[in-house]
Every structure is written in C-alpha cells, then in structure tokens.
Amino acid sequence: MDPDRWERICAIFEAARGLSGAAREAVVASAPDVADDVRELLGAHDTKGGILGESAGDLEAGETVSYTH
C-alpha cells in the first residue's frame, strides 16, 4: 500500500474512532478515497473490542494487524 494512502487512512481512522453514529460517518465520508478502508478498520476495531491496541498511525505502511476468531 502506498505510504501516503496509509497515512490518510490512519488519520481518518483516528479522527473517527472515538465517535459514533452520524458523527463517525461524517468523518469517514469526508474522505471518499479511503472511506471503505477506514470502515473496515473501524468495524474490526469495534467487533473485537479494540483489536487495535496501538494507534493505527503507529503501524508502518504495509504492516498488518492480525487476530483470530
């Protein structure tokens, strides 16, 4: 993944992570180029009770977070 794209995804994720409902969606929708990626991260984060123990911004471009069901 392009490092600039990852940085943008992280920034939107961080801005939206503490929000809910319409406020969260407004932040995500403000970046249509990465909105799907951010929604996926937020969904995984919410479903697993905060699987991203670290800030997403602390990860390097191309680094992944894995979890087991």
C-alpha atoms as a PDB file:
ATOM      1  CA  MET A   1       0.000   0.000   0.000  1.00  0.00           C
ATOM      2  CA  ASP A   2       1.130   3.484  -0.806  1.00  0.00           C
ATOM      3  CA  PRO A   3       2.536   5.152   2.340  1.00  0.00           C
ATOM      4  CA  ASP A   4       0.565   8.343   1.694  1.00  0.00           C
ATOM      5  CA  ARG A   5      -2.668   6.388   1.389  1.00  0.00           C
ATOM      6  CA  TRP A   6      -1.926   4.502   4.631  1.00  0.00           C
ATOM      7  CA  GLU A   7      -1.212   7.789   6.397  1.00  0.00           C
ATOM      8  CA  ARG A   8      -4.565   9.159   5.209  1.00  0.00           C
ATOM      9  CA  ILE A   9      -6.392   6.003   6.340  1.00  0.00           C
ATOM     10  CA  CYS A  10      -4.756   6.274   9.769  1.00  0.00           C
ATOM     11  CA  ALA A  11      -5.644   9.923  10.146  1.00  0.00           C
ATOM     12  CA  ILE A  12      -9.309   9.367   9.297  1.00  0.00           C
ATOM     13  CA  PHE A  13      -9.458   6.245  11.485  1.00  0.00           C
ATOM     14  CA  GLU A  14      -8.041   8.164  14.455  1.00  0.00           C
ATOM     15  CA  ALA A  15     -10.469  11.042  13.907  1.00  0.00           C
ATOM     16  CA  ALA A  16     -13.469   8.697  13.671  1.00  0.00           C
ATOM     17  CA  ARG A  17     -12.538   6.049  16.247  1.00  0.00           C
ATOM     18  CA  GLY A  18     -13.935   7.858  19.289  1.00  0.00           C
ATOM     19  CA  LEU A  19     -17.133   8.901  17.545  1.00  0.00           C
ATOM     20  CA  SER A  20     -20.326   7.015  16.837  1.00  0.00           C
ATOM     21  CA  GLY A  21     -23.294   7.150  14.513  1.00  0.00           C
ATOM     22  CA  ALA A  22     -23.712  10.097  12.204  1.00  0.00           C
ATOM     23  CA  ALA A  23     -20.683  11.937  13.561  1.00  0.00           C
ATOM     24  CA  ARG A  24     -18.414   8.983  12.791  1.00  0.00           C
ATOM     25  CA  GLU A  25     -19.887   8.503   9.347  1.00  0.00           C
ATOM     26  CA  ALA A  26     -19.464  12.200   8.543  1.00  0.00           C
ATOM     27  CA  VAL A  27     -15.742  11.980   9.294  1.00  0.00           C
ATOM     28  CA  VAL A  28     -15.352   8.792   7.246  1.00  0.00           C
ATOM     29  CA  ALA A  29     -17.416  10.149   4.347  1.00  0.00           C
ATOM     30  CA  SER A  30     -15.225  13.252   4.232  1.00  0.00           C
ATOM     31  CA  ALA A  31     -12.517  11.054   2.703  1.00  0.00           C
ATOM     32  CA  PRO A  32     -14.267   9.054  -0.035  1.00  0.00           C
ATOM     33  CA  ASP A  33     -10.959   7.820  -1.460  1.00  0.00           C
ATOM     34  CA  VAL A  34     -10.218   5.803   1.713  1.00  0.00           C
ATOM     35  CA  ALA A  35     -13.683   5.509   3.290  1.00  0.00           C
ATOM     36  CA  ASP A  36     -14.069   1.769   2.611  1.00  0.00           C
ATOM     37  CA  ASP A  37     -10.686   1.003   4.154  1.00  0.00           C
ATOM     38  CA  VAL A  38     -11.451   3.114   7.209  1.00  0.00           C
ATOM     39  CA  ARG A  39     -14.874   1.491   7.651  1.00  0.00           C
ATOM     40  CA  GLU A  40     -13.219  -1.923   7.525  1.00  0.00           C
ATOM     41  CA  LEU A  41     -10.704  -0.941  10.200  1.00  0.00           C
ATOM     42  CA  LEU A  42     -13.396   0.619  12.377  1.00  0.00           C
ATOM     43  CA  GLY A  43     -15.590  -2.456  12.020  1.00  0.00           C
ATOM     44  CA  ALA A  44     -12.789  -4.785  13.051  1.00  0.00           C
ATOM     45  CA  HIS A  45     -11.850  -2.492  15.903  1.00  0.00           C
ATOM     46  CA  ASP A  46     -15.437  -2.314  17.189  1.00  0.00           C
ATOM     47  CA  THR A  47     -16.215  -6.006  16.703  1.00  0.00           C
ATOM     48  CA  LYS A  48     -13.206  -7.229  18.602  1.00  0.00           C
ATOM     49  CA  GLY A  49     -13.408  -4.634  21.361  1.00  0.00           C
ATOM     50  CA  GLY A  50     -10.441  -2.610  20.249  1.00  0.00           C
ATOM     51  CA  ILE A  51      -8.215  -5.110  18.472  1.00  0.00           C
ATOM     52  CA  LEU A  52      -6.001  -2.231  17.514  1.00  0.00           C
ATOM     53  CA  GLY A  53      -4.356  -1.845  20.874  1.00  0.00           C
ATOM     54  CA  GLU A  54      -1.932   0.557  19.280  1.00  0.00           C
ATOM     55  CA  SER A  55      -2.924   3.586  17.341  1.00  0.00           C
ATOM     56  CA  ALA A  56      -3.255   2.665  13.678  1.00  0.00           C
ATOM     57  CA  GLY A  57      -0.864   5.515  12.993  1.00  0.00           C
ATOM     58  CA  ASP A  58       1.847   3.625  14.865  1.00  0.00           C
ATOM     59  CA  LEU A  59       1.859   0.902  12.217  1.00  0.00           C
ATOM     60  CA  GLU A  60       4.126   1.129   9.231  1.00  0.00           C
ATOM     61  CA  ALA A  61       2.710   1.183   5.723  1.00  0.00           C
ATOM     62  CA  GLY A  62       2.199  -2.395   4.616  1.00  0.00           C
ATOM     63  CA  GLU A  63       2.224  -3.741   8.174  1.00  0.00           C
ATOM     64  CA  THR A  64      -0.913  -5.626   9.106  1.00  0.00           C
ATOM     65  CA  VAL A  65      -2.817  -6.355  12.262  1.00  0.00           C
ATOM     66  CA  SER A  66      -3.977  -9.916  12.618  1.00  0.00           C
ATOM     67  CA  TYR A  67      -6.357 -11.543  15.009  1.00  0.00           C
ATOM     68  CA  THR A  68      -8.052 -14.883  15.428  1.00  0.00           C
ATOM     69  CA  HIS A  69     -11.727 -15.567  15.907  1.00  0.00           C
END
